[in-house]
Amino acid sequence: MGIPALQTNGELPPGEHQASLAEVEAMYGSSTDRRKLLMRGLREAASNFEMSGVRTLWIDGSFITDKEAPNDIDGCWEYTSSVDTEKLDRVFLGSRAEMKLKYGLDFFIANIVEAGSGLPFPKFSR
């Protein structure tokens, strides 16, 4: 399907857009040194997620906009019974500060409801 072009406001059109990690990197992960650094962290995290049995990630926030130097990559990952938590990096189960330091990510478990909105994270972050 691919990633649609950014709107004139520098953001993606509303909705969920499926993409491979290679497509994300081509569109968002190579234009500046900061984006390259964040993309390297996302690739490392995605490798750990895949090895652990996580099959779905959502990416959101300023990384998927035209912002030149995003602070981090926001998103969430889907926890299912097939996820092997022994293989999963512990930072994805609780330490947001360590996760940001190690990977440049601010990810939540998708199945958890965001307290302020009452929505699961994939719907909250749209």
PDB file of N, CA and C in Angstrom:
ATOM      1  N   MET A   1       0.828  -1.193   0.000  1.00  0.00           N
ATOM      2  CA  MET A   1       0.000   0.000   0.000  1.00  0.00           C
ATOM      3  C   MET A   1       0.869   1.253   0.000  1.00  0.00           C
ATOM      4  N   GLY A   2       1.878   1.326   0.839  1.00  0.00           N
ATOM      5  CA  GLY A   2       2.760   2.481   0.859  1.00  0.00           C
ATOM      6  C   GLY A   2       2.271   3.599   1.756  1.00  0.00           C
ATOM      7  N   ILE A   3       3.155   4.536   1.966  1.00  0.00           N
ATOM      8  CA  ILE A   3       2.866   5.682   2.824  1.00  0.00           C
ATOM      9  C   ILE A   3       2.409   6.834   1.938  1.00  0.00           C
ATOM     10  N   PRO A   4       1.253   7.437   2.242  1.00  0.00           N
ATOM     11  CA  PRO A   4       0.804   8.566   1.425  1.00  0.00           C
ATOM     12  C   PRO A   4       1.688   9.794   1.643  1.00  0.00           C
ATOM     13  N   ALA A   5       1.629  10.713   0.705  1.00  0.00           N
ATOM     14  CA  ALA A   5       2.380  11.963   0.817  1.00  0.00           C
ATOM     15  C   ALA A   5       1.869  12.777   2.003  1.00  0.00           C
ATOM     16  N   LEU A   6       2.769  13.566   2.570  1.00  0.00           N
ATOM     17  CA  LEU A   6       2.370  14.458   3.656  1.00  0.00           C
ATOM     18  C   LEU A   6       1.450  15.547   3.121  1.00  0.00           C
ATOM     19  N   GLN A   7       0.543  15.998   3.982  1.00  0.00           N
ATOM     20  CA  GLN A   7      -0.349  17.096   3.632  1.00  0.00           C
ATOM     21  C   GLN A   7       0.429  18.415   3.695  1.00  0.00           C
ATOM     22  N   THR A   8      -0.186  19.499   3.296  1.00  0.00           N
ATOM     23  CA  THR A   8       0.484  20.802   3.311  1.00  0.00           C
ATOM     24  C   THR A   8       0.864  21.248   4.717  1.00  0.00           C
ATOM     25  N   ASN A   9       0.208  20.681   5.747  1.00  0.00           N
ATOM     26  CA  ASN A   9       0.559  21.021   7.126  1.00  0.00           C
ATOM     27  C   ASN A   9       1.742  20.200   7.644  1.00  0.00           C
ATOM     28  N   GLY A  10       2.327  19.355   6.778  1.00  0.00           N
ATOM     29  CA  GLY A  10       3.494  18.569   7.161  1.00  0.00           C
ATOM     30  C   GLY A  10       3.183  17.262   7.852  1.00  0.00           C
ATOM     31  N   GLU A  11       1.911  16.889   7.904  1.00  0.00           N
ATOM     32  CA  GLU A  11       1.502  15.658   8.581  1.00  0.00           C
ATOM     33  C   GLU A  11       0.877  14.683   7.588  1.00  0.00           C
ATOM     34  N   LEU A  12       0.824  13.413   7.994  1.00  0.00           N
ATOM     35  CA  LEU A  12       0.135  12.403   7.194  1.00  0.00           C
ATOM     36  C   LEU A  12      -1.367  12.659   7.197  1.00  0.00           C
ATOM     37  N   PRO A  13      -2.068  12.215   6.167  1.00  0.00           N
ATOM     38  CA  PRO A  13      -3.527  12.254   6.227  1.00  0.00           C
ATOM     39  C   PRO A  13      -4.007  11.393   7.400  1.00  0.00           C
ATOM     40  N   PRO A  14      -5.166  11.706   7.982  1.00  0.00           N
ATOM     41  CA  PRO A  14      -5.680  10.913   9.103  1.00  0.00           C
ATOM     42  C   PRO A  14      -5.848   9.443   8.727  1.00  0.00           C
ATOM     43  N   GLY A  15      -5.756   8.583   9.727  1.00  0.00           N
ATOM     44  CA  GLY A  15      -5.971   7.158   9.525  1.00  0.00           C
ATOM     45  C   GLY A  15      -4.722   6.342   9.752  1.00  0.00           C
ATOM     46  N   GLU A  16      -4.887   5.027   9.634  1.00  0.00           N
ATOM     47  CA  GLU A  16      -3.753   4.111   9.755  1.00  0.00           C
ATOM     48  C   GLU A  16      -3.215   3.816   8.368  1.00  0.00           C
ATOM     49  N   HIS A  17      -1.902   3.839   8.235  1.00  0.00           N
ATOM     50  CA  HIS A  17      -1.248   3.596   6.955  1.00  0.00           C
ATOM     51  C   HIS A  17      -0.213   2.500   7.160  1.00  0.00           C
ATOM     52  N   GLN A  18      -0.410   1.362   6.523  1.00  0.00           N
ATOM     53  CA  GLN A  18       0.521   0.250   6.673  1.00  0.00           C
ATOM     54  C   GLN A  18       1.778   0.506   5.858  1.00  0.00           C
ATOM     55  N   ALA A  19       2.918   0.150   6.454  1.00  0.00           N
ATOM     56  CA  ALA A  19       4.193   0.330   5.766  1.00  0.00           C
ATOM     57  C   ALA A  19       5.221  -0.621   6.345  1.00  0.00           C
ATOM     58  N   SER A  20       6.175  -0.976   5.525  1.00  0.00           N
ATOM     59  CA  SER A  20       7.300  -1.773   6.007  1.00  0.00           C
ATOM     60  C   SER A  20       8.305  -0.842   6.682  1.00  0.00           C
ATOM     61  N   LEU A  21       9.212  -1.428   7.422  1.00  0.00           N
ATOM     62  CA  LEU A  21      10.265  -0.642   8.058  1.00  0.00           C
ATOM     63  C   LEU A  21      11.115   0.059   6.993  1.00  0.00           C
ATOM     64  N   ALA A  22      11.350  -0.610   5.875  1.00  0.00           N
ATOM     65  CA  ALA A  22      12.122  -0.003   4.783  1.00  0.00           C
ATOM     66  C   ALA A  22      11.402   1.225   4.221  1.00  0.00           C
ATOM     67  N   GLU A  23      10.077   1.153   4.109  1.00  0.00           N
ATOM     68  CA  GLU A  23       9.312   2.306   3.621  1.00  0.00           C
ATOM     69  C   GLU A  23       9.369   3.459   4.614  1.00  0.00           C
ATOM     70  N   VAL A  24       9.269   3.147   5.900  1.00  0.00           N
ATOM     71  CA  VAL A  24       9.370   4.187   6.934  1.00  0.00           C
ATOM     72  C   VAL A  24      10.739   4.853   6.853  1.00  0.00           C
ATOM     73  N   GLU A  25      11.779   4.035   6.724  1.00  0.00           N
ATOM     74  CA  GLU A  25      13.130   4.594   6.642  1.00  0.00           C
ATOM     75  C   GLU A  25      13.297   5.473   5.403  1.00  0.00           C
ATOM     76  N   ALA A  26      12.802   5.021   4.270  1.00  0.00           N
ATOM     77  CA  ALA A  26      12.936   5.802   3.038  1.00  0.00           C
ATOM     78  C   ALA A  26      12.224   7.149   3.142  1.00  0.00           C
ATOM     79  N   MET A  27      11.066   7.161   3.786  1.00  0.00           N
ATOM     80  CA  MET A  27      10.277   8.395   3.847  1.00  0.00           C
ATOM     81  C   MET A  27      10.709   9.314   4.994  1.00  0.00           C
ATOM     82  N   TYR A  28      11.084   8.732   6.141  1.00  0.00           N
ATOM     83  CA  TYR A  28      11.303   9.550   7.339  1.00  0.00           C
ATOM     84  C   TYR A  28      12.671   9.394   7.994  1.00  0.00           C
ATOM     85  N   GLY A  29      13.427   8.374   7.636  1.00  0.00           N
ATOM     86  CA  GLY A  29      14.600   8.046   8.431  1.00  0.00           C
ATOM     87  C   GLY A  29      15.953   8.360   7.850  1.00  0.00           C
ATOM     88  N   SER A  30      16.013   9.204   6.824  1.00  0.00           N
ATOM     89  CA  SER A  30      17.325   9.404   6.210  1.00  0.00           C
ATOM     90  C   SER A  30      17.646  10.839   5.813  1.00  0.00           C
ATOM     91  N   SER A  31      16.764  11.786   6.072  1.00  0.00           N
ATOM     92  CA  SER A  31      16.979  13.145   5.563  1.00  0.00           C
ATOM     93  C   SER A  31      17.900  14.005   6.419  1.00  0.00           C
ATOM     94  N   THR A  32      18.032  13.709   7.703  1.00  0.00           N
ATOM     95  CA  THR A  32      18.918  14.481   8.589  1.00  0.00           C
ATOM     96  C   THR A  32      19.672  13.518   9.497  1.00  0.00           C
ATOM     97  N   ASP A  33      20.736  14.005  10.112  1.00  0.00           N
ATOM     98  CA  ASP A  33      21.489  13.158  11.043  1.00  0.00           C
ATOM     99  C   ASP A  33      20.614  12.702  12.207  1.00  0.00           C
ATOM    100  N   ARG A  34      19.761  13.585  12.699  1.00  0.00           N
ATOM    101  CA  ARG A  34      18.882  13.228  13.812  1.00  0.00           C
ATOM    102  C   ARG A  34      17.928  12.108  13.404  1.00  0.00           C
ATOM    103  N   ARG A  35      17.350  12.215  12.243  1.00  0.00           N
ATOM    104  CA  ARG A  35      16.428  11.181  11.759  1.00  0.00           C
ATOM    105  C   ARG A  35      17.158   9.858  11.527  1.00  0.00           C
ATOM    106  N   LYS A  36      18.377   9.911  11.043  1.00  0.00           N
ATOM    107  CA  LYS A  36      19.169   8.688  10.860  1.00  0.00           C
ATOM    108  C   LYS A  36      19.431   8.014  12.201  1.00  0.00           C
ATOM    109  N   LEU A  37      19.759   8.808  13.214  1.00  0.00           N
ATOM    110  CA  LEU A  37      20.000   8.265  14.554  1.00  0.00           C
ATOM    111  C   LEU A  37      18.737   7.613  15.112  1.00  0.00           C
ATOM    112  N   LEU A  38      17.607   8.293  14.998  1.00  0.00           N
ATOM    113  CA  LEU A  38      16.344   7.725  15.476  1.00  0.00           C
ATOM    114  C   LEU A  38      15.983   6.463  14.701  1.00  0.00           C
ATOM    115  N   MET A  39      16.222   6.469  13.409  1.00  0.00           N
ATOM    116  CA  MET A  39      15.897   5.299  12.594  1.00  0.00           C
ATOM    117  C   MET A  39      16.747   4.105  12.995  1.00  0.00           C
ATOM    118  N   ARG A  40      17.999   4.342  13.310  1.00  0.00           N
ATOM    119  CA  ARG A  40      18.865   3.256  13.776  1.00  0.00           C
ATOM    120  C   ARG A  40      18.277   2.626  15.039  1.00  0.00           C
ATOM    121  N   GLY A  41      17.801   3.468  15.964  1.00  0.00           N
ATOM    122  CA  GLY A  41      17.164   2.960  17.180  1.00  0.00           C
ATOM    123  C   GLY A  41      15.892   2.189  16.883  1.00  0.00           C
ATOM    124  N   LEU A  42      15.099   2.684  15.936  1.00  0.00           N
ATOM    125  CA  LEU A  42      13.863   1.993  15.566  1.00  0.00           C
ATOM    126  C   LEU A  42      14.170   0.630  14.951  1.00  0.00           C
ATOM    127  N   ARG A  43      15.185   0.563  14.093  1.00  0.00           N
ATOM    128  CA  ARG A  43      15.562  -0.726  13.497  1.00  0.00           C
ATOM    129  C   ARG A  43      16.004  -1.725  14.571  1.00  0.00           C
ATOM    130  N   GLU A  44      16.818  -1.260  15.531  1.00  0.00           N
ATOM    131  CA  GLU A  44      17.271  -2.145  16.615  1.00  0.00           C
ATOM    132  C   GLU A  44      16.088  -2.619  17.453  1.00  0.00           C
ATOM    133  N   ALA A  45      15.187  -1.704  17.773  1.00  0.00           N
ATOM    134  CA  ALA A  45      14.002  -2.069  18.553  1.00  0.00           C
ATOM    135  C   ALA A  45      13.123  -3.036  17.771  1.00  0.00           C
ATOM    136  N   ALA A  46      12.915  -2.764  16.489  1.00  0.00           N
ATOM    137  CA  ALA A  46      12.079  -3.636  15.656  1.00  0.00           C
ATOM    138  C   ALA A  46      12.663  -5.041  15.586  1.00  0.00           C
ATOM    139  N   SER A  47      13.970  -5.141  15.563  1.00  0.00           N
ATOM    140  CA  SER A  47      14.623  -6.450  15.558  1.00  0.00           C
ATOM    141  C   SER A  47      14.322  -7.203  16.849  1.00  0.00           C
ATOM    142  N   ASN A  48      14.408  -6.502  17.985  1.00  0.00           N
ATOM    143  CA  ASN A  48      14.089  -7.142  19.261  1.00  0.00           C
ATOM    144  C   ASN A  48      12.614  -7.506  19.336  1.00  0.00           C
ATOM    145  N   PHE A  49      11.746  -6.619  18.879  1.00  0.00           N
ATOM    146  CA  PHE A  49      10.311  -6.929  18.869  1.00  0.00           C
ATOM    147  C   PHE A  49      10.036  -8.174  18.031  1.00  0.00           C
ATOM    148  N   GLU A  50      10.612  -8.229  16.838  1.00  0.00           N
ATOM    149  CA  GLU A  50      10.379  -9.371  15.953  1.00  0.00           C
ATOM    150  C   GLU A  50      10.885 -10.667  16.585  1.00  0.00           C
ATOM    151  N   MET A  51      12.091 -10.628  17.151  1.00  0.00           N
ATOM    152  CA  MET A  51      12.668 -11.806  17.798  1.00  0.00           C
ATOM    153  C   MET A  51      11.799 -12.280  18.969  1.00  0.00           C
ATOM    154  N   SER A  52      11.091 -11.348  19.583  1.00  0.00           N
ATOM    155  CA  SER A  52      10.254 -11.649  20.747  1.00  0.00           C
ATOM    156  C   SER A  52       8.836 -12.061  20.380  1.00  0.00           C
ATOM    157  N   GLY A  53       8.487 -11.989  19.105  1.00  0.00           N
ATOM    158  CA  GLY A  53       7.155 -12.394  18.671  1.00  0.00           C
ATOM    159  C   GLY A  53       6.172 -11.257  18.483  1.00  0.00           C
ATOM    160  N   VAL A  54       6.612 -10.013  18.646  1.00  0.00           N
ATOM    161  CA  VAL A  54       5.736  -8.866  18.395  1.00  0.00           C
ATOM    162  C   VAL A  54       5.606  -8.706  16.882  1.00  0.00           C
ATOM    163  N   ARG A  55       4.381  -8.626  16.395  1.00  0.00           N
ATOM    164  CA  ARG A  55       4.148  -8.562  14.952  1.00  0.00           C
ATOM    165  C   ARG A  55       3.625  -7.212  14.467  1.00  0.00           C
ATOM    166  N   THR A  56       3.137  -6.375  15.379  1.00  0.00           N
ATOM    167  CA  THR A  56       2.556  -5.107  14.951  1.00  0.00           C
ATOM    168  C   THR A  56       3.104  -3.958  15.778  1.00  0.00           C
ATOM    169  N   LEU A  57       3.595  -2.932  15.079  1.00  0.00           N
ATOM    170  CA  LEU A  57       4.038  -1.680  15.695  1.00  0.00           C
ATOM    171  C   LEU A  57       3.250  -0.542  15.062  1.00  0.00           C
ATOM    172  N   TRP A  58       2.961   0.475  15.846  1.00  0.00           N
ATOM    173  CA  TRP A  58       2.374   1.708  15.337  1.00  0.00           C
ATOM    174  C   TRP A  58       3.377   2.816  15.609  1.00  0.00           C
ATOM    175  N   ILE A  59       3.580   3.679  14.636  1.00  0.00           N
ATOM    176  CA  ILE A  59       4.491   4.811  14.794  1.00  0.00           C
ATOM    177  C   ILE A  59       3.681   6.081  14.636  1.00  0.00           C
ATOM    178  N   ASP A  60       3.964   7.053  15.516  1.00  0.00           N
ATOM    179  CA  ASP A  60       3.203   8.293  15.514  1.00  0.00           C
ATOM    180  C   ASP A  60       4.129   9.426  15.937  1.00  0.00           C
ATOM    181  N   GLY A  61       3.577  10.601  16.046  1.00  0.00           N
ATOM    182  CA  GLY A  61       4.324  11.740  16.560  1.00  0.00           C
ATOM    183  C   GLY A  61       5.113  12.470  15.485  1.00  0.00           C
ATOM    184  N   SER A  62       6.017  13.321  15.937  1.00  0.00           N
ATOM    185  CA  SER A  62       6.731  14.215  15.023  1.00  0.00           C
ATOM    186  C   SER A  62       7.671  13.491  14.068  1.00  0.00           C
ATOM    187  N   PHE A  63       8.050  12.255  14.375  1.00  0.00           N
ATOM    188  CA  PHE A  63       8.928  11.522  13.461  1.00  0.00           C
ATOM    189  C   PHE A  63       8.263  11.305  12.105  1.00  0.00           C
ATOM    190  N   ILE A  64       6.965  11.144  12.091  1.00  0.00           N
ATOM    191  CA  ILE A  64       6.270  10.909  10.820  1.00  0.00           C
ATOM    192  C   ILE A  64       5.617  12.190  10.292  1.00  0.00           C
ATOM    193  N   THR A  65       6.317  13.295  10.512  1.00  0.00           N
ATOM    194  CA  THR A  65       5.927  14.595   9.961  1.00  0.00           C
ATOM    195  C   THR A  65       7.140  15.159   9.221  1.00  0.00           C
ATOM    196  N   ASP A  66       7.037  16.409   8.803  1.00  0.00           N
ATOM    197  CA  ASP A  66       8.172  17.043   8.134  1.00  0.00           C
ATOM    198  C   ASP A  66       9.119  17.748   9.106  1.00  0.00           C
ATOM    199  N   LYS A  67       8.929  17.555  10.407  1.00  0.00           N
ATOM    200  CA  LYS A  67       9.816  18.165  11.400  1.00  0.00           C
ATOM    201  C   LYS A  67      11.250  17.687  11.156  1.00  0.00           C
ATOM    202  N   GLU A  68      12.167  18.623  11.066  1.00  0.00           N
ATOM    203  CA  GLU A  68      13.547  18.294  10.721  1.00  0.00           C
ATOM    204  C   GLU A  68      14.265  17.464  11.782  1.00  0.00           C
ATOM    205  N   ALA A  69      14.042  17.797  13.052  1.00  0.00           N
ATOM    206  CA  ALA A  69      14.768  17.115  14.132  1.00  0.00           C
ATOM    207  C   ALA A  69      13.809  16.670  15.241  1.00  0.00           C
ATOM    208  N   PRO A  70      13.066  15.585  15.022  1.00  0.00           N
ATOM    209  CA  PRO A  70      12.155  15.091  16.064  1.00  0.00           C
ATOM    210  C   PRO A  70      12.932  14.690  17.325  1.00  0.00           C
ATOM    211  N   ASN A  71      12.288  14.836  18.477  1.00  0.00           N
ATOM    212  CA  ASN A  71      12.931  14.455  19.744  1.00  0.00           C
ATOM    213  C   ASN A  71      13.064  12.950  19.880  1.00  0.00           C
ATOM    214  N   ASP A  72      12.045  12.231  19.406  1.00  0.00           N
ATOM    215  CA  ASP A  72      12.008  10.782  19.566  1.00  0.00           C
ATOM    216  C   ASP A  72      11.011  10.217  18.561  1.00  0.00           C
ATOM    217  N   ILE A  73      10.764   8.918  18.670  1.00  0.00           N
ATOM    218  CA  ILE A  73       9.731   8.275  17.859  1.00  0.00           C
ATOM    219  C   ILE A  73       8.660   7.768  18.808  1.00  0.00           C
ATOM    220  N   ASP A  74       7.465   8.303  18.682  1.00  0.00           N
ATOM    221  CA  ASP A  74       6.339   7.859  19.494  1.00  0.00           C
ATOM    222  C   ASP A  74       5.683   6.658  18.829  1.00  0.00           C
ATOM    223  N   GLY A  75       5.073   5.813  19.647  1.00  0.00           N
ATOM    224  CA  GLY A  75       4.356   4.688  19.080  1.00  0.00           C
ATOM    225  C   GLY A  75       3.921   3.688  20.121  1.00  0.00           C
ATOM    226  N   CYS A  76       3.499   2.539  19.648  1.00  0.00           N
ATOM    227  CA  CYS A  76       3.093   1.462  20.540  1.00  0.00           C
ATOM    228  C   CYS A  76       3.287   0.127  19.832  1.00  0.00           C
ATOM    229  N   TRP A  77       3.240  -0.919  20.615  1.00  0.00           N
ATOM    230  CA  TRP A  77       3.436  -2.274  20.086  1.00  0.00           C
ATOM    231  C   TRP A  77       2.364  -3.178  20.645  1.00  0.00           C
ATOM    232  N   GLU A  78       2.010  -4.190  19.860  1.00  0.00           N
ATOM    233  CA  GLU A  78       0.904  -5.074  20.229  1.00  0.00           C
ATOM    234  C   GLU A  78       1.397  -6.272  21.033  1.00  0.00           C
ATOM    235  N   TYR A  79       0.897  -6.367  22.260  1.00  0.00           N
ATOM    236  CA  TYR A  79       1.202  -7.520  23.108  1.00  0.00           C
ATOM    237  C   TYR A  79       0.148  -8.597  22.853  1.00  0.00           C
ATOM    238  N   THR A  80       0.612  -9.808  22.525  1.00  0.00           N
ATOM    239  CA  THR A  80      -0.270 -10.961  22.365  1.00  0.00           C
ATOM    240  C   THR A  80       0.317 -12.118  23.159  1.00  0.00           C
ATOM    241  N   SER A  81      -0.417 -13.204  23.244  1.00  0.00           N
ATOM    242  CA  SER A  81       0.058 -14.370  23.996  1.00  0.00           C
ATOM    243  C   SER A  81       1.289 -15.007  23.354  1.00  0.00           C
ATOM    244  N   SER A  82       1.579 -14.689  22.104  1.00  0.00           N
ATOM    245  CA  SER A  82       2.757 -15.263  21.446  1.00  0.00           C
ATOM    246  C   SER A  82       4.041 -14.477  21.716  1.00  0.00           C
ATOM    247  N   VAL A  83       3.946 -13.352  22.423  1.00  0.00           N
ATOM    248  CA  VAL A  83       5.142 -12.564  22.734  1.00  0.00           C
ATOM    249  C   VAL A  83       5.937 -13.265  23.835  1.00  0.00           C
ATOM    250  N   ASP A  84       7.210 -13.481  23.573  1.00  0.00           N
ATOM    251  CA  ASP A  84       8.121 -14.104  24.538  1.00  0.00           C
ATOM    252  C   ASP A  84       8.796 -12.996  25.336  1.00  0.00           C
ATOM    253  N   THR A  85       8.283 -12.721  26.529  1.00  0.00           N
ATOM    254  CA  THR A  85       8.804 -11.623  27.337  1.00  0.00           C
ATOM    255  C   THR A  85      10.225 -11.885  27.838  1.00  0.00           C
ATOM    256  N   GLU A  86      10.672 -13.131  27.778  1.00  0.00           N
ATOM    257  CA  GLU A  86      12.062 -13.428  28.145  1.00  0.00           C
ATOM    258  C   GLU A  86      13.026 -12.879  27.090  1.00  0.00           C
ATOM    259  N   LYS A  87      12.586 -12.804  25.853  1.00  0.00           N
ATOM    260  CA  LYS A  87      13.422 -12.279  24.765  1.00  0.00           C
ATOM    261  C   LYS A  87      13.247 -10.776  24.575  1.00  0.00           C
ATOM    262  N   LEU A  88      12.122 -10.250  25.054  1.00  0.00           N
ATOM    263  CA  LEU A  88      11.807  -8.836  24.880  1.00  0.00           C
ATOM    264  C   LEU A  88      12.687  -7.981  25.784  1.00  0.00           C
ATOM    265  N   ASP A  89      13.266  -6.933  25.225  1.00  0.00           N
ATOM    266  CA  ASP A  89      14.063  -6.011  26.033  1.00  0.00           C
ATOM    267  C   ASP A  89      13.170  -5.445  27.137  1.00  0.00           C
ATOM    268  N   ARG A  90      13.630  -5.516  28.358  1.00  0.00           N
ATOM    269  CA  ARG A  90      12.850  -5.087  29.530  1.00  0.00           C
ATOM    270  C   ARG A  90      12.395  -3.630  29.465  1.00  0.00           C
ATOM    271  N   VAL A  91      13.122  -2.787  28.731  1.00  0.00           N
ATOM    272  CA  VAL A  91      12.718  -1.379  28.671  1.00  0.00           C
ATOM    273  C   VAL A  91      11.336  -1.217  28.051  1.00  0.00           C
ATOM    274  N   PHE A  92      10.910  -2.173  27.222  1.00  0.00           N
ATOM    275  CA  PHE A  92       9.596  -2.071  26.586  1.00  0.00           C
ATOM    276  C   PHE A  92       8.454  -2.446  27.524  1.00  0.00           C
ATOM    277  N   LEU A  93       8.804  -2.924  28.701  1.00  0.00           N
ATOM    278  CA  LEU A  93       7.782  -3.301  29.686  1.00  0.00           C
ATOM    279  C   LEU A  93       7.683  -2.298  30.827  1.00  0.00           C
ATOM    280  N   GLY A  94       8.375  -1.171  30.720  1.00  0.00           N
ATOM    281  CA  GLY A  94       8.188  -0.238  31.805  1.00  0.00           C
ATOM    282  C   GLY A  94       9.029   1.007  31.849  1.00  0.00           C
ATOM    283  N   SER A  95      10.277   0.961  31.490  1.00  0.00           N
ATOM    284  CA  SER A  95      11.131   2.122  31.694  1.00  0.00           C
ATOM    285  C   SER A  95      11.178   3.016  30.460  1.00  0.00           C
ATOM    286  N   ARG A  96      10.305   3.992  30.431  1.00  0.00           N
ATOM    287  CA  ARG A  96      10.262   4.899  29.281  1.00  0.00           C
ATOM    288  C   ARG A  96      11.555   5.695  29.154  1.00  0.00           C
ATOM    289  N   ALA A  97      12.136   6.105  30.278  1.00  0.00           N
ATOM    290  CA  ALA A  97      13.382   6.878  30.225  1.00  0.00           C
ATOM    291  C   ALA A  97      14.515   6.041  29.634  1.00  0.00           C
ATOM    292  N   GLU A  98      14.629   4.791  30.068  1.00  0.00           N
ATOM    293  CA  GLU A  98      15.671   3.909  29.529  1.00  0.00           C
ATOM    294  C   GLU A  98      15.409   3.593  28.059  1.00  0.00           C
ATOM    295  N   MET A  99      14.147   3.414  27.694  1.00  0.00           N
ATOM    296  CA  MET A  99      13.781   3.137  26.307  1.00  0.00           C
ATOM    297  C   MET A  99      14.199   4.305  25.409  1.00  0.00           C
ATOM    298  N   LYS A 100      13.925   5.505  25.872  1.00  0.00           N
ATOM    299  CA  LYS A 100      14.270   6.689  25.086  1.00  0.00           C
ATOM    300  C   LYS A 100      15.785   6.830  24.968  1.00  0.00           C
ATOM    301  N   LEU A 101      16.490   6.557  26.045  1.00  0.00           N
ATOM    302  CA  LEU A 101      17.947   6.648  26.029  1.00  0.00           C
ATOM    303  C   LEU A 101      18.562   5.597  25.106  1.00  0.00           C
ATOM    304  N   LYS A 102      18.069   4.370  25.194  1.00  0.00           N
ATOM    305  CA  LYS A 102      18.646   3.266  24.426  1.00  0.00           C
ATOM    306  C   LYS A 102      18.244   3.281  22.954  1.00  0.00           C
ATOM    307  N   TYR A 103      16.968   3.545  22.675  1.00  0.00           N
ATOM    308  CA  TYR A 103      16.447   3.422  21.311  1.00  0.00           C
ATOM    309  C   TYR A 103      15.951   4.738  20.694  1.00  0.00           C
ATOM    310  N   GLY A 104      15.738   5.766  21.499  1.00  0.00           N
ATOM    311  CA  GLY A 104      15.142   6.995  20.981  1.00  0.00           C
ATOM    312  C   GLY A 104      13.646   6.880  20.787  1.00  0.00           C
ATOM    313  N   LEU A 105      13.037   5.909  21.480  1.00  0.00           N
ATOM    314  CA  LEU A 105      11.603   5.640  21.337  1.00  0.00           C
ATOM    315  C   LEU A 105      10.837   5.998  22.599  1.00  0.00           C
ATOM    316  N   ASP A 106       9.574   6.332  22.414  1.00  0.00           N
ATOM    317  CA  ASP A 106       8.619   6.476  23.510  1.00  0.00           C
ATOM    318  C   ASP A 106       7.413   5.630  23.116  1.00  0.00           C
ATOM    319  N   PHE A 107       7.517   4.326  23.377  1.00  0.00           N
ATOM    320  CA  PHE A 107       6.506   3.351  22.973  1.00  0.00           C
ATOM    321  C   PHE A 107       5.719   2.852  24.175  1.00  0.00           C
ATOM    322  N   PHE A 108       4.461   2.564  23.936  1.00  0.00           N
ATOM    323  CA  PHE A 108       3.571   1.986  24.937  1.00  0.00           C
ATOM    324  C   PHE A 108       3.051   0.649  24.422  1.00  0.00           C
ATOM    325  N   ILE A 109       2.532  -0.156  25.320  1.00  0.00           N
ATOM    326  CA  ILE A 109       1.862  -1.390  24.918  1.00  0.00           C
ATOM    327  C   ILE A 109       0.497  -0.996  24.365  1.00  0.00           C
ATOM    328  N   ALA A 110       0.201  -1.421  23.153  1.00  0.00           N
ATOM    329  CA  ALA A 110      -1.019  -0.988  22.462  1.00  0.00           C
ATOM    330  C   ALA A 110      -2.293  -1.401  23.178  1.00  0.00           C
ATOM    331  N   ASN A 111      -2.256  -2.509  23.888  1.00  0.00           N
ATOM    332  CA  ASN A 111      -3.455  -3.026  24.539  1.00  0.00           C
ATOM    333  C   ASN A 111      -3.842  -2.229  25.784  1.00  0.00           C
ATOM    334  N   ILE A 112      -2.975  -1.345  26.232  1.00  0.00           N
ATOM    335  CA  ILE A 112      -3.240  -0.558  27.436  1.00  0.00           C
ATOM    336  C   ILE A 112      -4.047   0.685  27.062  1.00  0.00           C
ATOM    337  N   VAL A 113      -4.950   1.067  27.943  1.00  0.00           N
ATOM    338  CA  VAL A 113      -5.794   2.239  27.721  1.00  0.00           C
ATOM    339  C   VAL A 113      -5.087   3.476  28.270  1.00  0.00           C
ATOM    340  N   GLU A 114      -5.038   4.534  27.467  1.00  0.00           N
ATOM    341  CA  GLU A 114      -4.461   5.803  27.886  1.00  0.00           C
ATOM    342  C   GLU A 114      -5.409   6.434  28.899  1.00  0.00           C
ATOM    343  N   ALA A 115      -4.897   6.788  30.059  1.00  0.00           N
ATOM    344  CA  ALA A 115      -5.730   7.197  31.195  1.00  0.00           C
ATOM    345  C   ALA A 115      -6.583   8.432  30.922  1.00  0.00           C
ATOM    346  N   GLY A 116      -6.037   9.447  30.297  1.00  0.00           N
ATOM    347  CA  GLY A 116      -6.776  10.687  30.103  1.00  0.00           C
ATOM    348  C   GLY A 116      -7.923  10.589  29.118  1.00  0.00           C
ATOM    349  N   SER A 117      -7.765   9.757  28.095  1.00  0.00           N
ATOM    350  CA  SER A 117      -8.776   9.688  27.039  1.00  0.00           C
ATOM    351  C   SER A 117      -9.690   8.478  27.149  1.00  0.00           C
ATOM    352  N   GLY A 118      -9.216   7.421  27.820  1.00  0.00           N
ATOM    353  CA  GLY A 118      -9.970   6.181  27.884  1.00  0.00           C
ATOM    354  C   GLY A 118      -9.864   5.348  26.615  1.00  0.00           C
ATOM    355  N   LEU A 119      -8.949   5.717  25.721  1.00  0.00           N
ATOM    356  CA  LEU A 119      -8.766   5.008  24.452  1.00  0.00           C
ATOM    357  C   LEU A 119      -7.503   4.155  24.491  1.00  0.00           C
ATOM    358  N   PRO A 120      -7.507   3.017  23.779  1.00  0.00           N
ATOM    359  CA  PRO A 120      -6.257   2.263  23.654  1.00  0.00           C
ATOM    360  C   PRO A 120      -5.239   3.112  22.883  1.00  0.00           C
ATOM    361  N   PHE A 121      -3.954   2.909  23.148  1.00  0.00           N
ATOM    362  CA  PHE A 121      -2.932   3.780  22.577  1.00  0.00           C
ATOM    363  C   PHE A 121      -2.981   3.947  21.060  1.00  0.00           C
ATOM    364  N   PRO A 122      -3.242   2.909  20.257  1.00  0.00           N
ATOM    365  CA  PRO A 122      -3.285   3.173  18.811  1.00  0.00           C
ATOM    366  C   PRO A 122      -4.360   4.187  18.409  1.00  0.00           C
ATOM    367  N   LYS A 123      -5.489   4.197  19.097  1.00  0.00           N
ATOM    368  CA  LYS A 123      -6.556   5.152  18.779  1.00  0.00           C
ATOM    369  C   LYS A 123      -6.280   6.518  19.411  1.00  0.00           C
ATOM    370  N   PHE A 124      -5.680   6.520  20.609  1.00  0.00           N
ATOM    371  CA  PHE A 124      -5.363   7.764  21.296  1.00  0.00           C
ATOM    372  C   PHE A 124      -4.355   8.589  20.505  1.00  0.00           C
ATOM    373  N   SER A 125      -3.380   7.921  19.920  1.00  0.00           N
ATOM    374  CA  SER A 125      -2.276   8.646  19.291  1.00  0.00           C
ATOM    375  C   SER A 125      -2.565   9.115  17.871  1.00  0.00           C
ATOM    376  N   ARG A 126      -3.729   8.851  17.347  1.00  0.00           N
ATOM    377  CA  ARG A 126      -4.047   9.317  15.984  1.00  0.00           C
ATOM    378  C   ARG A 126      -4.288  10.792  15.959  1.00  0.00           C
TER     379      ARG A 126
END
